[in-house]
Amino acid sequence: IEKGKKLYITNSFTTSITELENELKC
């Protein structure tokens, strides 16, 4: 996919939630 923001998250339930939440806060 060429357009849009890409976020690569860790394959861990708790870590991936934190990474996504941090991105959505900003």
mmCIF file of all heavy atoms, coordinates in Angstrom:
data_MODEL
# 
_entry.id   MODEL 
# 
loop_
_atom_site.group_PDB 
_atom_site.id 
_atom_site.type_symbol 
_atom_site.label_atom_id 
_atom_site.label_alt_id 
_atom_site.label_comp_id 
_atom_site.label_asym_id 
_atom_site.label_entity_id 
_atom_site.label_seq_id 
_atom_site.pdbx_PDB_ins_code 
_atom_site.Cartn_x 
_atom_site.Cartn_y 
_atom_site.Cartn_z 
_atom_site.occupancy 
_atom_site.B_iso_or_equiv 
_atom_site.pdbx_formal_charge 
_atom_site.auth_seq_id 
_atom_site.auth_comp_id 
_atom_site.auth_asym_id 
_atom_site.auth_atom_id 
_atom_site.pdbx_PDB_model_num 
ATOM 1   N N   . ILE A 1 1  ? 0.852  -1.190  0.000  1.00 0.00 ? 1  ILE A N   1 
ATOM 2   C CA  . ILE A 1 1  ? 0.000  0.000   0.000  1.00 0.00 ? 1  ILE A CA  1 
ATOM 3   C C   . ILE A 1 1  ? 0.885  1.236   0.000  1.00 0.00 ? 1  ILE A C   1 
ATOM 4   O O   . ILE A 1 1  ? 1.802  1.357   0.816  1.00 0.00 ? 1  ILE A O   1 
ATOM 5   C CB  . ILE A 1 1  ? -0.931 -0.006  1.222  1.00 0.00 ? 1  ILE A CB  1 
ATOM 6   C CG1 . ILE A 1 1  ? -1.818 -1.247  1.185  1.00 0.00 ? 1  ILE A CG1 1 
ATOM 7   C CG2 . ILE A 1 1  ? -1.760 1.269   1.283  1.00 0.00 ? 1  ILE A CG2 1 
ATOM 8   C CD1 . ILE A 1 1  ? -2.632 -1.460  2.442  1.00 0.00 ? 1  ILE A CD1 1 
ATOM 9   N N   . GLU A 1 2  ? 0.614  2.154   -0.923 1.00 0.00 ? 2  GLU A N   1 
ATOM 10  C CA  . GLU A 1 2  ? 1.464  3.338   -1.045 1.00 0.00 ? 2  GLU A CA  1 
ATOM 11  C C   . GLU A 1 2  ? 0.978  4.520   -0.211 1.00 0.00 ? 2  GLU A C   1 
ATOM 12  O O   . GLU A 1 2  ? 1.777  5.324   0.230  1.00 0.00 ? 2  GLU A O   1 
ATOM 13  C CB  . GLU A 1 2  ? 1.562  3.743   -2.515 1.00 0.00 ? 2  GLU A CB  1 
ATOM 14  C CG  . GLU A 1 2  ? 2.286  2.704   -3.343 1.00 0.00 ? 2  GLU A CG  1 
ATOM 15  C CD  . GLU A 1 2  ? 2.446  3.122   -4.796 1.00 0.00 ? 2  GLU A CD  1 
ATOM 16  O OE1 . GLU A 1 2  ? 2.235  4.303   -5.102 1.00 0.00 ? 2  GLU A OE1 1 
ATOM 17  O OE2 . GLU A 1 2  ? 2.794  2.253   -5.605 1.00 0.00 ? 2  GLU A OE2 1 
ATOM 18  N N   . LYS A 1 3  ? -0.320 4.657   -0.013 1.00 0.00 ? 3  LYS A N   1 
ATOM 19  C CA  . LYS A 1 3  ? -0.857 5.802   0.720  1.00 0.00 ? 3  LYS A CA  1 
ATOM 20  C C   . LYS A 1 3  ? -1.242 5.389   2.133  1.00 0.00 ? 3  LYS A C   1 
ATOM 21  O O   . LYS A 1 3  ? -1.515 4.232   2.404  1.00 0.00 ? 3  LYS A O   1 
ATOM 22  C CB  . LYS A 1 3  ? -2.083 6.360   0.003  1.00 0.00 ? 3  LYS A CB  1 
ATOM 23  C CG  . LYS A 1 3  ? -1.757 6.948   -1.344 1.00 0.00 ? 3  LYS A CG  1 
ATOM 24  C CD  . LYS A 1 3  ? -2.974 7.550   -1.982 1.00 0.00 ? 3  LYS A CD  1 
ATOM 25  C CE  . LYS A 1 3  ? -2.616 8.163   -3.320 1.00 0.00 ? 3  LYS A CE  1 
ATOM 26  N NZ  . LYS A 1 3  ? -3.759 8.810   -3.950 1.00 0.00 ? 3  LYS A NZ  1 
ATOM 27  N N   . GLY A 1 4  ? -1.250 6.382   3.014  1.00 0.00 ? 4  GLY A N   1 
ATOM 28  C CA  . GLY A 1 4  ? -1.654 6.130   4.394  1.00 0.00 ? 4  GLY A CA  1 
ATOM 29  C C   . GLY A 1 4  ? -0.459 5.920   5.298  1.00 0.00 ? 4  GLY A C   1 
ATOM 30  O O   . GLY A 1 4  ? 0.653  5.668   4.864  1.00 0.00 ? 4  GLY A O   1 
ATOM 31  N N   . LYS A 1 5  ? -0.703 6.043   6.566  1.00 0.00 ? 5  LYS A N   1 
ATOM 32  C CA  . LYS A 1 5  ? 0.324  5.848   7.595  1.00 0.00 ? 5  LYS A CA  1 
ATOM 33  C C   . LYS A 1 5  ? 0.397  4.378   7.952  1.00 0.00 ? 5  LYS A C   1 
ATOM 34  O O   . LYS A 1 5  ? -0.621 3.707   8.087  1.00 0.00 ? 5  LYS A O   1 
ATOM 35  C CB  . LYS A 1 5  ? -0.047 6.682   8.827  1.00 0.00 ? 5  LYS A CB  1 
ATOM 36  C CG  . LYS A 1 5  ? 0.722  6.394   10.072 1.00 0.00 ? 5  LYS A CG  1 
ATOM 37  C CD  . LYS A 1 5  ? 2.078  7.006   10.071 1.00 0.00 ? 5  LYS A CD  1 
ATOM 38  C CE  . LYS A 1 5  ? 2.690  6.778   11.452 1.00 0.00 ? 5  LYS A CE  1 
ATOM 39  N NZ  . LYS A 1 5  ? 4.031  7.073   11.581 1.00 0.00 ? 5  LYS A NZ  1 
ATOM 40  N N   . LYS A 1 6  ? 1.605  3.866   8.095  1.00 0.00 ? 6  LYS A N   1 
ATOM 41  C CA  . LYS A 1 6  ? 1.817  2.466   8.441  1.00 0.00 ? 6  LYS A CA  1 
ATOM 42  C C   . LYS A 1 6  ? 2.428  2.372   9.831  1.00 0.00 ? 6  LYS A C   1 
ATOM 43  O O   . LYS A 1 6  ? 3.341  3.116   10.164 1.00 0.00 ? 6  LYS A O   1 
ATOM 44  C CB  . LYS A 1 6  ? 2.744  1.803   7.426  1.00 0.00 ? 6  LYS A CB  1 
ATOM 45  C CG  . LYS A 1 6  ? 2.195  1.833   6.019  1.00 0.00 ? 6  LYS A CG  1 
ATOM 46  C CD  . LYS A 1 6  ? 3.198  1.316   5.036  1.00 0.00 ? 6  LYS A CD  1 
ATOM 47  C CE  . LYS A 1 6  ? 2.702  1.512   3.619  1.00 0.00 ? 6  LYS A CE  1 
ATOM 48  N NZ  . LYS A 1 6  ? 3.696  1.114   2.625  1.00 0.00 ? 6  LYS A NZ  1 
ATOM 49  N N   . LEU A 1 7  ? 1.912  1.466   10.626 1.00 0.00 ? 7  LEU A N   1 
ATOM 50  C CA  . LEU A 1 7  ? 2.437  1.230   11.964 1.00 0.00 ? 7  LEU A CA  1 
ATOM 51  C C   . LEU A 1 7  ? 2.717  -0.255  12.102 1.00 0.00 ? 7  LEU A C   1 
ATOM 52  O O   . LEU A 1 7  ? 1.822  -1.082  11.964 1.00 0.00 ? 7  LEU A O   1 
ATOM 53  C CB  . LEU A 1 7  ? 1.418  1.673   13.028 1.00 0.00 ? 7  LEU A CB  1 
ATOM 54  C CG  . LEU A 1 7  ? 1.800  1.396   14.478 1.00 0.00 ? 7  LEU A CG  1 
ATOM 55  C CD1 . LEU A 1 7  ? 3.025  2.216   14.878 1.00 0.00 ? 7  LEU A CD1 1 
ATOM 56  C CD2 . LEU A 1 7  ? 0.631  1.694   15.404 1.00 0.00 ? 7  LEU A CD2 1 
ATOM 57  N N   . TYR A 1 8  ? 3.972  -0.563  12.357 1.00 0.00 ? 8  TYR A N   1 
ATOM 58  C CA  . TYR A 1 8  ? 4.376  -1.954  12.557 1.00 0.00 ? 8  TYR A CA  1 
ATOM 59  C C   . TYR A 1 8  ? 4.456  -2.195  14.054 1.00 0.00 ? 8  TYR A C   1 
ATOM 60  O O   . TYR A 1 8  ? 5.238  -1.555  14.750 1.00 0.00 ? 8  TYR A O   1 
ATOM 61  C CB  . TYR A 1 8  ? 5.721  -2.218  11.883 1.00 0.00 ? 8  TYR A CB  1 
ATOM 62  C CG  . TYR A 1 8  ? 5.664  -1.995  10.392 1.00 0.00 ? 8  TYR A CG  1 
ATOM 63  C CD1 . TYR A 1 8  ? 6.069  -0.799  9.829  1.00 0.00 ? 8  TYR A CD1 1 
ATOM 64  C CD2 . TYR A 1 8  ? 5.190  -2.991  9.551  1.00 0.00 ? 8  TYR A CD2 1 
ATOM 65  C CE1 . TYR A 1 8  ? 6.006  -0.581  8.459  1.00 0.00 ? 8  TYR A CE1 1 
ATOM 66  C CE2 . TYR A 1 8  ? 5.123  -2.793  8.180  1.00 0.00 ? 8  TYR A CE2 1 
ATOM 67  C CZ  . TYR A 1 8  ? 5.532  -1.594  7.639  1.00 0.00 ? 8  TYR A CZ  1 
ATOM 68  O OH  . TYR A 1 8  ? 5.457  -1.400  6.286  1.00 0.00 ? 8  TYR A OH  1 
ATOM 69  N N   . ILE A 1 9  ? 3.628  -3.102  14.544 1.00 0.00 ? 9  ILE A N   1 
ATOM 70  C CA  . ILE A 1 9  ? 3.547  -3.341  15.979 1.00 0.00 ? 9  ILE A CA  1 
ATOM 71  C C   . ILE A 1 9  ? 4.158  -4.697  16.340 1.00 0.00 ? 9  ILE A C   1 
ATOM 72  O O   . ILE A 1 9  ? 4.267  -5.592  15.513 1.00 0.00 ? 9  ILE A O   1 
ATOM 73  C CB  . ILE A 1 9  ? 2.088  -3.256  16.481 1.00 0.00 ? 9  ILE A CB  1 
ATOM 74  C CG1 . ILE A 1 9  ? 1.190  -4.237  15.743 1.00 0.00 ? 9  ILE A CG1 1 
ATOM 75  C CG2 . ILE A 1 9  ? 1.562  -1.840  16.360 1.00 0.00 ? 9  ILE A CG2 1 
ATOM 76  C CD1 . ILE A 1 9  ? -0.255 -4.235  16.210 1.00 0.00 ? 9  ILE A CD1 1 
ATOM 77  N N   . THR A 1 10 ? 4.539  -4.810  17.602 1.00 0.00 ? 10 THR A N   1 
ATOM 78  C CA  . THR A 1 10 ? 5.122  -6.032  18.135 1.00 0.00 ? 10 THR A CA  1 
ATOM 79  C C   . THR A 1 10 ? 4.039  -7.102  18.256 1.00 0.00 ? 10 THR A C   1 
ATOM 80  O O   . THR A 1 10 ? 2.902  -6.802  18.603 1.00 0.00 ? 10 THR A O   1 
ATOM 81  C CB  . THR A 1 10 ? 5.737  -5.756  19.515 1.00 0.00 ? 10 THR A CB  1 
ATOM 82  O OG1 . THR A 1 10 ? 6.663  -4.679  19.388 1.00 0.00 ? 10 THR A OG1 1 
ATOM 83  C CG2 . THR A 1 10 ? 6.458  -6.968  20.057 1.00 0.00 ? 10 THR A CG2 1 
ATOM 84  N N   . ASN A 1 11 ? 4.397  -8.334  17.992 1.00 0.00 ? 11 ASN A N   1 
ATOM 85  C CA  . ASN A 1 11 ? 3.445  -9.436  18.065 1.00 0.00 ? 11 ASN A CA  1 
ATOM 86  C C   . ASN A 1 11 ? 3.310  -9.909  19.510 1.00 0.00 ? 11 ASN A C   1 
ATOM 87  O O   . ASN A 1 11 ? 3.715  -11.007 19.878 1.00 0.00 ? 11 ASN A O   1 
ATOM 88  C CB  . ASN A 1 11 ? 3.881  -10.574 17.148 1.00 0.00 ? 11 ASN A CB  1 
ATOM 89  C CG  . ASN A 1 11 ? 2.792  -11.592 16.939 1.00 0.00 ? 11 ASN A CG  1 
ATOM 90  O OD1 . ASN A 1 11 ? 1.706  -11.451 17.471 1.00 0.00 ? 11 ASN A OD1 1 
ATOM 91  N ND2 . ASN A 1 11 ? 3.087  -12.613 16.164 1.00 0.00 ? 11 ASN A ND2 1 
ATOM 92  N N   . SER A 1 12 ? 2.769  -9.037  20.328 1.00 0.00 ? 12 SER A N   1 
ATOM 93  C CA  . SER A 1 12 ? 2.538  -9.309  21.742 1.00 0.00 ? 12 SER A CA  1 
ATOM 94  C C   . SER A 1 12 ? 1.253  -8.589  22.129 1.00 0.00 ? 12 SER A C   1 
ATOM 95  O O   . SER A 1 12 ? 1.103  -7.393  21.837 1.00 0.00 ? 12 SER A O   1 
ATOM 96  C CB  . SER A 1 12 ? 3.704  -8.783  22.584 1.00 0.00 ? 12 SER A CB  1 
ATOM 97  O OG  . SER A 1 12 ? 3.341  -8.696  23.944 1.00 0.00 ? 12 SER A OG  1 
ATOM 98  N N   . PHE A 1 13 ? 0.343  -9.284  22.773 1.00 0.00 ? 13 PHE A N   1 
ATOM 99  C CA  . PHE A 1 13 ? -0.957 -8.700  23.077 1.00 0.00 ? 13 PHE A CA  1 
ATOM 100 C C   . PHE A 1 13 ? -0.829 -7.396  23.861 1.00 0.00 ? 13 PHE A C   1 
ATOM 101 O O   . PHE A 1 13 ? -1.380 -6.380  23.470 1.00 0.00 ? 13 PHE A O   1 
ATOM 102 C CB  . PHE A 1 13 ? -1.826 -9.704  23.829 1.00 0.00 ? 13 PHE A CB  1 
ATOM 103 C CG  . PHE A 1 13 ? -3.230 -9.233  24.046 1.00 0.00 ? 13 PHE A CG  1 
ATOM 104 C CD1 . PHE A 1 13 ? -4.124 -9.185  22.994 1.00 0.00 ? 13 PHE A CD1 1 
ATOM 105 C CD2 . PHE A 1 13 ? -3.648 -8.816  25.291 1.00 0.00 ? 13 PHE A CD2 1 
ATOM 106 C CE1 . PHE A 1 13 ? -5.423 -8.735  23.183 1.00 0.00 ? 13 PHE A CE1 1 
ATOM 107 C CE2 . PHE A 1 13 ? -4.933 -8.363  25.498 1.00 0.00 ? 13 PHE A CE2 1 
ATOM 108 C CZ  . PHE A 1 13 ? -5.828 -8.320  24.440 1.00 0.00 ? 13 PHE A CZ  1 
ATOM 109 N N   . THR A 1 14 ? -0.097 -7.396  24.953 1.00 0.00 ? 14 THR A N   1 
ATOM 110 C CA  . THR A 1 14 ? -0.009 -6.188  25.781 1.00 0.00 ? 14 THR A CA  1 
ATOM 111 C C   . THR A 1 14 ? 0.835  -5.103  25.125 1.00 0.00 ? 14 THR A C   1 
ATOM 112 O O   . THR A 1 14 ? 0.482  -3.926  25.175 1.00 0.00 ? 14 THR A O   1 
ATOM 113 C CB  . THR A 1 14 ? 0.552  -6.514  27.178 1.00 0.00 ? 14 THR A CB  1 
ATOM 114 O OG1 . THR A 1 14 ? 1.792  -7.201  27.037 1.00 0.00 ? 14 THR A OG1 1 
ATOM 115 C CG2 . THR A 1 14 ? -0.405 -7.382  27.962 1.00 0.00 ? 14 THR A CG2 1 
ATOM 116 N N   . THR A 1 15 ? 1.931  -5.472  24.503 1.00 0.00 ? 15 THR A N   1 
ATOM 117 C CA  . THR A 1 15 ? 2.805  -4.479  23.874 1.00 0.00 ? 15 THR A CA  1 
ATOM 118 C C   . THR A 1 15 ? 2.138  -3.847  22.665 1.00 0.00 ? 15 THR A C   1 
ATOM 119 O O   . THR A 1 15 ? 2.220  -2.630  22.478 1.00 0.00 ? 15 THR A O   1 
ATOM 120 C CB  . THR A 1 15 ? 4.145  -5.119  23.456 1.00 0.00 ? 15 THR A CB  1 
ATOM 121 O OG1 . THR A 1 15 ? 4.723  -5.748  24.597 1.00 0.00 ? 15 THR A OG1 1 
ATOM 122 C CG2 . THR A 1 15 ? 5.101  -4.084  22.908 1.00 0.00 ? 15 THR A CG2 1 
ATOM 123 N N   . SER A 1 16 ? 1.466  -4.634  21.863 1.00 0.00 ? 16 SER A N   1 
ATOM 124 C CA  . SER A 1 16 ? 0.827  -4.089  20.660 1.00 0.00 ? 16 SER A CA  1 
ATOM 125 C C   . SER A 1 16 ? -0.288 -3.112  21.022 1.00 0.00 ? 16 SER A C   1 
ATOM 126 O O   . SER A 1 16 ? -0.474 -2.102  20.345 1.00 0.00 ? 16 SER A O   1 
ATOM 127 C CB  . SER A 1 16 ? 0.300  -5.207  19.763 1.00 0.00 ? 16 SER A CB  1 
ATOM 128 O OG  . SER A 1 16 ? -0.663 -5.984  20.423 1.00 0.00 ? 16 SER A OG  1 
ATOM 129 N N   . ILE A 1 17 ? -1.016 -3.377  22.086 1.00 0.00 ? 17 ILE A N   1 
ATOM 130 C CA  . ILE A 1 17 ? -2.057 -2.445  22.533 1.00 0.00 ? 17 ILE A CA  1 
ATOM 131 C C   . ILE A 1 17 ? -1.435 -1.115  22.920 1.00 0.00 ? 17 ILE A C   1 
ATOM 132 O O   . ILE A 1 17 ? -1.918 -0.050  22.529 1.00 0.00 ? 17 ILE A O   1 
ATOM 133 C CB  . ILE A 1 17 ? -2.856 -3.034  23.715 1.00 0.00 ? 17 ILE A CB  1 
ATOM 134 C CG1 . ILE A 1 17 ? -3.713 -4.195  23.239 1.00 0.00 ? 17 ILE A CG1 1 
ATOM 135 C CG2 . ILE A 1 17 ? -3.715 -1.971  24.380 1.00 0.00 ? 17 ILE A CG2 1 
ATOM 136 C CD1 . ILE A 1 17 ? -4.399 -4.944  24.356 1.00 0.00 ? 17 ILE A CD1 1 
ATOM 137 N N   . THR A 1 18 ? -0.345 -1.153  23.666 1.00 0.00 ? 18 THR A N   1 
ATOM 138 C CA  . THR A 1 18 ? 0.339  0.070   24.083 1.00 0.00 ? 18 THR A CA  1 
ATOM 139 C C   . THR A 1 18 ? 0.860  0.852   22.886 1.00 0.00 ? 18 THR A C   1 
ATOM 140 O O   . THR A 1 18 ? 0.709  2.078   22.817 1.00 0.00 ? 18 THR A O   1 
ATOM 141 C CB  . THR A 1 18 ? 1.495  -0.265  25.043 1.00 0.00 ? 18 THR A CB  1 
ATOM 142 O OG1 . THR A 1 18 ? 0.972  -0.991  26.158 1.00 0.00 ? 18 THR A OG1 1 
ATOM 143 C CG2 . THR A 1 18 ? 2.193  0.990   25.531 1.00 0.00 ? 18 THR A CG2 1 
ATOM 144 N N   . GLU A 1 19 ? 1.467  0.164   21.934 1.00 0.00 ? 19 GLU A N   1 
ATOM 145 C CA  . GLU A 1 19 ? 1.999  0.827   20.744 1.00 0.00 ? 19 GLU A CA  1 
ATOM 146 C C   . GLU A 1 19 ? 0.884  1.493   19.943 1.00 0.00 ? 19 GLU A C   1 
ATOM 147 O O   . GLU A 1 19 ? 1.037  2.630   19.486 1.00 0.00 ? 19 GLU A O   1 
ATOM 148 C CB  . GLU A 1 19 ? 2.740  -0.176  19.861 1.00 0.00 ? 19 GLU A CB  1 
ATOM 149 C CG  . GLU A 1 19 ? 4.017  -0.687  20.479 1.00 0.00 ? 19 GLU A CG  1 
ATOM 150 C CD  . GLU A 1 19 ? 4.646  -1.838  19.715 1.00 0.00 ? 19 GLU A CD  1 
ATOM 151 O OE1 . GLU A 1 19 ? 3.973  -2.485  18.881 1.00 0.00 ? 19 GLU A OE1 1 
ATOM 152 O OE2 . GLU A 1 19 ? 5.840  -2.102  19.963 1.00 0.00 ? 19 GLU A OE2 1 
ATOM 153 N N   . LEU A 1 20 ? -0.229 0.823   19.791 1.00 0.00 ? 20 LEU A N   1 
ATOM 154 C CA  . LEU A 1 20 ? -1.353 1.392   19.051 1.00 0.00 ? 20 LEU A CA  1 
ATOM 155 C C   . LEU A 1 20 ? -1.970 2.565   19.805 1.00 0.00 ? 20 LEU A C   1 
ATOM 156 O O   . LEU A 1 20 ? -2.261 3.606   19.217 1.00 0.00 ? 20 LEU A O   1 
ATOM 157 C CB  . LEU A 1 20 ? -2.406 0.321   18.771 1.00 0.00 ? 20 LEU A CB  1 
ATOM 158 C CG  . LEU A 1 20 ? -3.613 0.764   17.962 1.00 0.00 ? 20 LEU A CG  1 
ATOM 159 C CD1 . LEU A 1 20 ? -3.194 1.339   16.614 1.00 0.00 ? 20 LEU A CD1 1 
ATOM 160 C CD2 . LEU A 1 20 ? -4.575 -0.386  17.777 1.00 0.00 ? 20 LEU A CD2 1 
ATOM 161 N N   . GLU A 1 21 ? -2.146 2.427   21.099 1.00 0.00 ? 21 GLU A N   1 
ATOM 162 C CA  . GLU A 1 21 ? -2.696 3.531   21.904 1.00 0.00 ? 21 GLU A CA  1 
ATOM 163 C C   . GLU A 1 21 ? -1.815 4.770   21.827 1.00 0.00 ? 21 GLU A C   1 
ATOM 164 O O   . GLU A 1 21 ? -2.327 5.892   21.704 1.00 0.00 ? 21 GLU A O   1 
ATOM 165 C CB  . GLU A 1 21 ? -2.866 3.099   23.357 1.00 0.00 ? 21 GLU A CB  1 
ATOM 166 C CG  . GLU A 1 21 ? -4.028 2.172   23.587 1.00 0.00 ? 21 GLU A CG  1 
ATOM 167 C CD  . GLU A 1 21 ? -4.120 1.680   25.023 1.00 0.00 ? 21 GLU A CD  1 
ATOM 168 O OE1 . GLU A 1 21 ? -3.116 1.710   25.760 1.00 0.00 ? 21 GLU A OE1 1 
ATOM 169 O OE2 . GLU A 1 21 ? -5.222 1.240   25.388 1.00 0.00 ? 21 GLU A OE2 1 
ATOM 170 N N   . ASN A 1 22 ? -0.498 4.582   21.888 1.00 0.00 ? 22 ASN A N   1 
ATOM 171 C CA  . ASN A 1 22 ? 0.422  5.714   21.807 1.00 0.00 ? 22 ASN A CA  1 
ATOM 172 C C   . ASN A 1 22 ? 0.302  6.421   20.456 1.00 0.00 ? 22 ASN A C   1 
ATOM 173 O O   . ASN A 1 22 ? 0.335  7.658   20.395 1.00 0.00 ? 22 ASN A O   1 
ATOM 174 C CB  . ASN A 1 22 ? 1.859  5.268   22.040 1.00 0.00 ? 22 ASN A CB  1 
ATOM 175 C CG  . ASN A 1 22 ? 2.110  4.882   23.468 1.00 0.00 ? 22 ASN A CG  1 
ATOM 176 O OD1 . ASN A 1 22 ? 1.385  5.293   24.378 1.00 0.00 ? 22 ASN A OD1 1 
ATOM 177 N ND2 . ASN A 1 22 ? 3.128  4.071   23.703 1.00 0.00 ? 22 ASN A ND2 1 
ATOM 178 N N   . GLU A 1 23 ? 0.166  5.674   19.387 1.00 0.00 ? 23 GLU A N   1 
ATOM 179 C CA  . GLU A 1 23 ? 0.013  6.264   18.058 1.00 0.00 ? 23 GLU A CA  1 
ATOM 180 C C   . GLU A 1 23 ? -1.299 7.038   17.959 1.00 0.00 ? 23 GLU A C   1 
ATOM 181 O O   . GLU A 1 23 ? -1.335 8.139   17.417 1.00 0.00 ? 23 GLU A O   1 
ATOM 182 C CB  . GLU A 1 23 ? 0.062  5.173   16.979 1.00 0.00 ? 23 GLU A CB  1 
ATOM 183 C CG  . GLU A 1 23 ? -0.147 5.674   15.583 1.00 0.00 ? 23 GLU A CG  1 
ATOM 184 C CD  . GLU A 1 23 ? 0.956  6.575   15.054 1.00 0.00 ? 23 GLU A CD  1 
ATOM 185 O OE1 . GLU A 1 23 ? 2.112  6.486   15.528 1.00 0.00 ? 23 GLU A OE1 1 
ATOM 186 O OE2 . GLU A 1 23 ? 0.669  7.384   14.154 1.00 0.00 ? 23 GLU A OE2 1 
ATOM 187 N N   . LEU A 1 24 ? -2.360 6.485   18.500 1.00 0.00 ? 24 LEU A N   1 
ATOM 188 C CA  . LEU A 1 24 ? -3.660 7.133   18.410 1.00 0.00 ? 24 LEU A CA  1 
ATOM 189 C C   . LEU A 1 24 ? -3.750 8.381   19.293 1.00 0.00 ? 24 LEU A C   1 
ATOM 190 O O   . LEU A 1 24 ? -4.516 9.296   18.988 1.00 0.00 ? 24 LEU A O   1 
ATOM 191 C CB  . LEU A 1 24 ? -4.768 6.138   18.790 1.00 0.00 ? 24 LEU A CB  1 
ATOM 192 C CG  . LEU A 1 24 ? -4.938 4.969   17.809 1.00 0.00 ? 24 LEU A CG  1 
ATOM 193 C CD1 . LEU A 1 24 ? -5.975 3.979   18.345 1.00 0.00 ? 24 LEU A CD1 1 
ATOM 194 C CD2 . LEU A 1 24 ? -5.295 5.449   16.431 1.00 0.00 ? 24 LEU A CD2 1 
ATOM 195 N N   . LYS A 1 25 ? -2.966 8.443   20.378 1.00 0.00 ? 25 LYS A N   1 
ATOM 196 C CA  . LYS A 1 25 ? -2.936 9.631   21.220 1.00 0.00 ? 25 LYS A CA  1 
ATOM 197 C C   . LYS A 1 25 ? -2.293 10.804  20.494 1.00 0.00 ? 25 LYS A C   1 
ATOM 198 O O   . LYS A 1 25 ? -2.673 11.951  20.693 1.00 0.00 ? 25 LYS A O   1 
ATOM 199 C CB  . LYS A 1 25 ? -2.147 9.357   22.506 1.00 0.00 ? 25 LYS A CB  1 
ATOM 200 C CG  . LYS A 1 25 ? -2.884 8.529   23.522 1.00 0.00 ? 25 LYS A CG  1 
ATOM 201 C CD  . LYS A 1 25 ? -1.994 8.298   24.733 1.00 0.00 ? 25 LYS A CD  1 
ATOM 202 C CE  . LYS A 1 25 ? -2.612 7.286   25.674 1.00 0.00 ? 25 LYS A CE  1 
ATOM 203 N NZ  . LYS A 1 25 ? -1.704 6.971   26.799 1.00 0.00 ? 25 LYS A NZ  1 
ATOM 204 N N   . CYS A 1 26 ? -1.305 10.511  19.655 1.00 0.00 ? 26 CYS A N   1 
ATOM 205 C CA  . CYS A 1 26 ? -0.533 11.557  18.978 1.00 0.00 ? 26 CYS A CA  1 
ATOM 206 C C   . CYS A 1 26 ? -1.151 12.002  17.655 1.00 0.00 ? 26 CYS A C   1 
ATOM 207 O O   . CYS A 1 26 ? -0.840 13.088  17.179 1.00 0.00 ? 26 CYS A O   1 
ATOM 208 C CB  . CYS A 1 26 ? 0.889  11.069  18.720 1.00 0.00 ? 26 CYS A CB  1 
ATOM 209 S SG  . CYS A 1 26 ? 1.802  10.692  20.225 1.00 0.00 ? 26 CYS A SG  1 
# 
